[in-house]
Amino acid sequence: MPLSEAWVDFIAGWASGAVSVLAIQPVDTILTRFQANGRITASATLQDSQALINRNGFKALWRGSSAMITAVPMQNAMLMGGYGIGKQWAEDASSSSSSSTTSTSTGTTATKSNIYTSVFIGGCAGGIAQSFLMSPVELFKVNQQVNVSKSVRDVGIELASGFGAYATTASTSAATGSSWRGLNATLLRDAIPHGVWFASYEWCKTAMTQALSIPADGEDGETSKTSYSHEHLTVPLFSGAFAATVAWGVGYPADIIKTRIQATEPHVVKGIFETGLELIAEANGNVFQGLYRGFGLKLVRSIPASMIGFTTYEFAAYQLRT
């Protein structure tokens, strides 16, 4: 009995996320430590990584991966659930507002534009939904990666006590030390950039499908949903790389601000704007250098992660459907 599409998305999404985390986590650890510490220069990144390995072994590069892998199923469920709701809402709103098509060429252009708009809105909705899960998970991950001297248990107890204080008092100062520290920056990073990510992937996938003359879904019966070849493999690989580059070009400033906020001591109260100014000041007033510090390393992490993620998803979904 074949699985429903919802279960295919869920299982393939978890496999996609888990494989990406295991493959890319060492680069993520190096990047997080670089973002969190303004004193580490780009040239000193390798030395810091080598020192980390010498003190704690190679396993230190995978600190925080267990939390990410555990959260992946729920993250994908929230991301894809929010994406589906947002995309459906956008499609319904678009269909109700457009009355008729004046010409075939105009209609085709309008249809493509509506598709990308719907995908963008759906991506934004999915990004917002997953932020409420991933903000505390990434706070835990960041603290594991930055504070290598603390055990996983100690980091968890420290964050849990802060969360309890926030739940009891709902005060700003308690929230700063709680599991929600960095939530606003996470929302800023995940909303618009996820819309850009989904829309960029859809655009590149459509363009490559047409260029390679690969039938789109539904154009050849079941073939496009069940076949899997090297030609088909090229599409998610390249589209995933393209989408990651464009999306992080938009969302990276919010990402480094989020990391810096989450890596500070719990008693230090800093907002998005203040942290952004601090980063710019560290770059001697250069806005681009301050807010895009470590962007190249981010692409080293995110491009393979996106390529691996989308390709693993497509392969796993194919295996589950056949």
Protein backbone atom coordinates (compact mmCIF):
# COMPACT_ATOMS: atom_id res chain seq x y z
CA MET A 1 0.00 0.00 0.00
CA PRO A 2 1.58 3.29 -1.13
CA LEU A 3 2.16 6.02 1.42
CA SER A 4 0.15 9.22 1.28
CA GLU A 5 1.91 12.34 -0.01
CA ALA A 6 1.89 13.78 3.50
CA TRP A 7 3.89 10.82 4.83
CA VAL A 8 6.20 10.90 1.80
CA ASP A 9 6.95 14.58 2.48
CA PHE A 10 7.46 13.94 6.19
CA ILE A 11 9.80 10.93 5.86
CA ALA A 12 11.73 12.29 2.88
CA GLY A 13 12.01 15.65 4.62
CA TRP A 14 13.46 14.07 7.76
CA ALA A 15 15.96 12.03 5.72
CA SER A 16 16.92 15.17 3.80
CA GLY A 17 17.51 17.20 6.94
CA ALA A 18 19.35 14.45 8.83
CA VAL A 19 21.77 13.72 5.98
CA SER A 20 22.46 17.44 5.50
CA VAL A 21 23.17 17.98 9.21
CA LEU A 22 25.59 15.03 9.46
CA ALA A 23 27.43 16.06 6.30
CA ILE A 24 27.70 19.80 6.94
CA GLN A 25 27.79 20.14 10.76
CA PRO A 26 31.59 20.60 11.01
CA VAL A 27 31.42 23.64 8.72
CA ASP A 28 28.43 24.91 10.68
CA THR A 29 30.37 24.66 13.95
CA ILE A 30 33.31 26.61 12.51
CA LEU A 31 30.94 29.25 11.08
CA THR A 32 29.00 29.63 14.33
CA ARG A 33 32.16 30.19 16.36
CA PHE A 34 33.34 32.72 13.77
CA GLN A 35 30.03 34.62 13.83
CA ALA A 36 29.81 34.60 17.62
CA ASN A 37 33.31 35.89 18.30
CA GLY A 38 34.19 39.23 16.74
CA ARG A 39 37.82 38.74 17.79
CA ILE A 40 38.33 35.74 15.50
CA THR A 41 39.55 36.91 12.10
CA ALA A 42 38.97 35.03 8.86
CA SER A 43 42.63 34.02 8.74
CA ALA A 44 42.47 32.70 12.31
CA THR A 45 39.42 30.51 11.68
CA LEU A 46 41.46 27.43 10.79
CA GLN A 47 43.71 27.90 13.81
CA ASP A 48 40.64 28.15 16.08
CA SER A 49 39.22 24.98 14.52
CA GLN A 50 42.53 23.16 14.94
CA ALA A 51 42.72 24.22 18.58
CA LEU A 52 39.15 23.02 19.12
CA ILE A 53 40.04 19.61 17.66
CA ASN A 54 43.24 19.36 19.70
CA ARG A 55 41.36 20.05 22.95
CA ASN A 56 38.21 18.02 22.35
CA GLY A 57 38.82 15.74 19.39
CA PHE A 58 37.10 15.63 16.00
CA LYS A 59 33.74 14.94 17.65
CA ALA A 60 33.71 18.59 18.79
CA LEU A 61 32.95 19.61 15.20
CA TRP A 62 29.64 17.75 15.43
CA ARG A 63 28.51 19.42 18.68
CA GLY A 64 24.86 20.41 18.42
CA SER A 65 24.06 17.95 15.62
CA SER A 66 21.90 15.72 17.85
CA ALA A 67 19.56 18.60 18.66
CA MET A 68 19.26 19.52 14.97
CA ILE A 69 18.61 15.94 13.83
CA THR A 70 16.01 15.46 16.57
CA ALA A 71 14.23 18.64 15.52
CA VAL A 72 14.33 17.95 11.77
CA PRO A 73 11.06 15.96 11.52
CA MET A 74 9.05 18.61 13.37
CA GLN A 75 10.90 21.42 11.59
CA ASN A 76 10.00 20.01 8.18
CA ALA A 77 6.45 19.33 9.28
CA MET A 78 6.05 22.96 10.39
CA LEU A 79 7.94 24.33 7.39
CA MET A 80 6.03 22.32 4.81
CA GLY A 81 2.74 22.69 6.68
CA GLY A 82 3.10 26.46 6.81
CA TYR A 83 4.28 26.45 3.21
CA GLY A 84 1.21 24.50 2.07
CA ILE A 85 -1.22 26.75 3.96
CA GLY A 86 0.44 29.96 2.77
CA LYS A 87 0.69 28.77 -0.84
CA GLN A 88 -2.94 27.66 -0.87
CA TRP A 89 -4.07 30.98 0.58
CA ALA A 90 -2.08 32.87 -2.07
CA GLU A 91 -3.49 30.70 -4.87
CA ASP A 92 -7.07 31.17 -3.63
CA ALA A 93 -6.59 34.93 -3.33
CA SER A 94 -5.06 35.08 -6.81
CA SER A 95 -7.80 33.02 -8.46
CA SER A 96 -10.56 35.08 -6.88
CA SER A 97 -8.99 38.40 -7.92
CA SER A 98 -8.25 37.47 -11.56
CA SER A 99 -11.40 37.41 -13.66
CA SER A 100 -10.29 36.48 -17.16
CA THR A 101 -7.27 36.07 -19.40
CA THR A 102 -6.88 38.48 -22.32
CA SER A 103 -4.48 36.43 -24.41
CA THR A 104 -2.61 33.15 -24.34
CA SER A 105 0.87 34.68 -23.98
CA THR A 106 -0.28 37.11 -21.31
CA GLY A 107 -2.10 34.33 -19.52
CA THR A 108 0.99 32.12 -19.50
CA THR A 109 3.13 34.91 -18.08
CA ALA A 110 0.52 35.74 -15.50
CA THR A 111 0.18 32.09 -14.52
CA LYS A 112 3.94 31.73 -13.98
CA SER A 113 4.02 34.97 -12.03
CA ASN A 114 1.14 33.76 -9.84
CA ILE A 115 2.90 30.45 -9.23
CA TYR A 116 6.11 32.13 -8.06
CA THR A 117 4.15 34.58 -5.93
CA SER A 118 2.25 31.73 -4.29
CA VAL A 119 5.46 29.77 -3.72
CA PHE A 120 7.10 32.88 -2.22
CA ILE A 121 4.20 33.54 0.17
CA GLY A 122 4.06 29.86 1.09
CA GLY A 123 7.80 29.87 1.81
CA CYS A 124 7.45 32.93 4.05
CA ALA A 125 4.60 31.29 5.95
CA GLY A 126 6.59 28.08 6.39
CA GLY A 127 9.64 30.02 7.57
CA ILE A 128 7.60 31.87 10.20
CA ALA A 129 6.03 28.62 11.42
CA GLN A 130 9.34 26.79 11.86
CA SER A 131 11.01 29.76 13.59
CA PHE A 132 9.14 29.06 16.82
CA LEU A 133 10.66 25.58 16.93
CA MET A 134 14.11 26.31 15.53
CA SER A 135 14.88 29.40 17.62
CA PRO A 136 15.26 27.46 20.91
CA VAL A 137 16.84 24.49 19.11
CA GLU A 138 19.45 26.71 17.48
CA LEU A 139 20.02 28.53 20.77
CA PHE A 140 20.90 25.15 22.28
CA LYS A 141 23.10 24.29 19.28
CA VAL A 142 24.92 27.64 19.29
CA ASN A 143 25.69 27.38 23.01
CA GLN A 144 27.04 23.85 22.54
CA GLN A 145 29.25 24.98 19.67
CA VAL A 146 30.55 28.13 21.38
CA ASN A 147 30.84 26.84 24.95
CA VAL A 148 32.71 23.62 24.30
CA SER A 149 33.80 23.42 27.93
CA LYS A 150 30.19 22.91 29.04
CA SER A 151 28.52 19.54 28.79
CA VAL A 152 25.31 19.04 26.85
CA ARG A 153 23.52 18.52 30.18
CA ASP A 154 24.83 21.79 31.63
CA VAL A 155 23.79 23.78 28.56
CA GLY A 156 20.33 22.20 28.65
CA ILE A 157 19.82 22.93 32.36
CA GLU A 158 20.95 26.54 31.94
CA LEU A 159 18.56 27.19 29.05
CA ALA A 160 15.68 25.29 30.65
CA SER A 161 15.94 27.36 33.84
CA GLY A 162 15.79 30.53 31.79
CA PHE A 163 12.73 29.25 29.91
CA GLY A 164 11.00 28.50 33.19
CA ALA A 165 11.64 32.04 34.39
CA TYR A 166 10.13 33.45 31.21
CA ALA A 167 7.07 31.22 31.41
CA THR A 168 6.52 32.38 34.99
CA THR A 169 7.16 36.12 34.65
CA ALA A 170 6.84 36.78 30.89
CA SER A 171 9.31 39.63 31.43
CA THR A 172 11.74 40.98 28.86
CA SER A 173 14.76 40.34 31.06
CA ALA A 174 13.74 36.73 31.65
CA ALA A 175 13.04 36.24 27.96
CA THR A 176 16.60 37.32 27.17
CA GLY A 177 17.99 34.38 29.13
CA SER A 178 15.29 31.96 28.10
CA SER A 179 14.97 29.49 25.27
CA TRP A 180 13.36 32.24 23.19
CA ARG A 181 16.47 34.42 23.10
CA GLY A 182 17.01 35.43 19.46
CA LEU A 183 13.45 34.60 18.34
CA ASN A 184 12.89 37.99 16.67
CA ALA A 185 16.13 37.66 14.72
CA THR A 186 15.19 34.08 13.79
CA LEU A 187 11.84 35.28 12.43
CA LEU A 188 13.65 37.98 10.44
CA ARG A 189 16.04 35.37 9.04
CA ASP A 190 13.46 32.69 8.25
CA ALA A 191 10.44 34.60 6.88
CA ILE A 192 11.42 36.50 3.71
CA PRO A 193 14.55 34.40 2.98
CA HIS A 194 12.53 31.17 3.00
CA GLY A 195 10.12 32.73 0.52
CA VAL A 196 13.10 33.64 -1.65
CA TRP A 197 14.55 30.15 -1.18
CA PHE A 198 11.40 28.30 -2.30
CA ALA A 199 10.70 30.70 -5.19
CA SER A 200 14.33 30.59 -6.40
CA TYR A 201 14.34 26.80 -6.30
CA GLU A 202 11.03 26.64 -8.20
CA TRP A 203 12.23 29.12 -10.83
CA CYS A 204 15.56 27.35 -11.38
CA LYS A 205 13.92 23.91 -11.39
CA THR A 206 11.39 25.06 -14.01
CA ALA A 207 14.09 26.66 -16.17
CA MET A 208 16.33 23.58 -16.03
CA THR A 209 13.42 21.21 -16.65
CA GLN A 210 12.58 23.12 -19.82
CA ALA A 211 16.23 23.39 -20.90
CA LEU A 212 16.81 19.64 -20.42
CA SER A 213 13.40 18.78 -21.92
CA ILE A 214 12.37 16.86 -18.81
CA PRO A 215 8.58 16.39 -18.64
CA ALA A 216 6.99 18.36 -15.84
CA ASP A 217 4.72 16.64 -13.32
CA GLY A 218 1.68 15.28 -15.02
CA GLU A 219 2.88 15.75 -18.60
CA ASP A 220 3.79 12.09 -19.08
CA GLY A 221 1.42 10.29 -16.80
CA GLU A 222 3.33 8.86 -13.85
CA THR A 223 6.79 9.06 -15.41
CA SER A 224 7.79 12.42 -13.94
CA LYS A 225 6.74 11.33 -10.46
CA THR A 226 8.41 7.93 -10.43
CA SER A 227 11.44 8.06 -12.75
CA TYR A 228 14.85 8.90 -11.34
CA SER A 229 17.89 9.36 -13.55
CA HIS A 230 21.16 11.26 -13.72
CA GLU A 231 19.38 13.88 -15.82
CA HIS A 232 16.76 14.35 -13.12
CA LEU A 233 19.47 14.38 -10.45
CA THR A 234 21.10 17.42 -12.04
CA VAL A 235 18.00 19.54 -11.51
CA PRO A 236 17.72 19.41 -7.69
CA LEU A 237 21.51 19.63 -7.31
CA PHE A 238 21.90 22.80 -9.33
CA SER A 239 18.57 24.31 -8.27
CA GLY A 240 19.40 23.71 -4.61
CA ALA A 241 22.75 25.47 -4.99
CA PHE A 242 21.15 28.41 -6.79
CA ALA A 243 18.35 28.75 -4.23
CA ALA A 244 20.77 28.67 -1.28
CA THR A 245 22.97 31.37 -2.77
CA VAL A 246 20.08 33.74 -3.50
CA ALA A 247 18.27 33.12 -0.20
CA TRP A 248 21.34 33.61 1.99
CA GLY A 249 22.26 36.71 0.04
CA VAL A 250 19.00 38.13 1.42
CA GLY A 251 18.97 36.54 4.88
CA TYR A 252 22.59 36.42 6.01
CA PRO A 253 22.64 39.70 8.00
CA ALA A 254 19.76 38.42 10.14
CA ASP A 255 21.57 35.10 10.59
CA ILE A 256 24.79 36.58 11.97
CA ILE A 257 22.76 38.92 14.21
CA LYS A 258 20.79 35.91 15.52
CA THR A 259 23.96 33.96 16.25
CA ARG A 260 25.55 36.89 18.05
CA ILE A 261 22.44 37.43 20.21
CA GLN A 262 22.17 33.73 21.09
CA ALA A 263 25.88 33.42 21.86
CA THR A 264 25.91 36.27 24.41
CA GLU A 265 25.66 35.65 28.14
CA PRO A 266 22.02 35.30 29.34
CA HIS A 267 22.20 38.47 31.43
CA VAL A 268 23.27 40.61 28.44
CA VAL A 269 20.25 42.31 26.87
CA LYS A 270 20.79 43.22 23.21
CA GLY A 271 18.28 43.67 20.42
CA ILE A 272 18.54 43.24 16.65
CA PHE A 273 19.36 46.88 15.89
CA GLU A 274 21.94 47.21 18.65
CA THR A 275 23.64 43.96 17.64
CA GLY A 276 23.73 45.06 14.00
CA LEU A 277 25.42 48.34 14.98
CA GLU A 278 27.92 46.38 17.07
CA LEU A 279 28.84 44.22 14.07
CA ILE A 280 29.24 47.29 11.86
CA ALA A 281 31.41 48.99 14.49
CA GLU A 282 33.66 45.90 14.61
CA ALA A 283 34.15 46.36 10.84
CA ASN A 284 35.19 50.01 11.36
CA GLY A 285 31.87 51.32 10.07
CA ASN A 286 31.76 49.19 6.90
CA VAL A 287 28.14 48.03 6.70
CA PHE A 288 28.74 45.25 4.17
CA GLN A 289 31.79 43.82 5.94
CA GLY A 290 30.02 43.96 9.29
CA LEU A 291 26.72 42.35 8.29
CA TYR A 292 28.20 39.89 5.78
CA ARG A 293 31.14 38.79 7.91
CA GLY A 294 31.62 35.08 7.21
CA PHE A 295 29.24 35.05 4.22
CA GLY A 296 31.68 33.03 2.11
CA LEU A 297 31.93 30.39 4.82
CA LYS A 298 28.12 30.37 5.03
CA LEU A 299 27.93 29.55 1.32
CA VAL A 300 30.50 26.79 1.82
CA ARG A 301 28.06 25.32 4.33
CA SER A 302 24.68 26.15 2.79
CA ILE A 303 25.25 25.37 -0.88
CA PRO A 304 26.27 21.72 -0.29
CA ALA A 305 23.58 21.44 2.39
CA SER A 306 20.90 22.65 0.00
CA MET A 307 22.19 20.43 -2.81
CA ILE A 308 22.36 17.40 -0.51
CA GLY A 309 19.03 18.22 1.07
CA PHE A 310 17.00 18.64 -2.10
CA THR A 311 18.67 15.66 -3.80
CA THR A 312 18.14 13.40 -0.78
CA TYR A 313 14.52 14.52 -0.60
CA GLU A 314 13.90 13.81 -4.30
CA PHE A 315 15.59 10.39 -4.07
CA ALA A 316 13.84 9.40 -0.83
CA ALA A 317 10.47 10.55 -2.16
CA TYR A 318 11.00 8.48 -5.31
CA GLN A 319 11.88 5.38 -3.25
CA LEU A 320 8.80 5.84 -1.04
CA ARG A 321 6.45 6.30 -4.00
CA THR A 322 7.63 3.23 -5.92
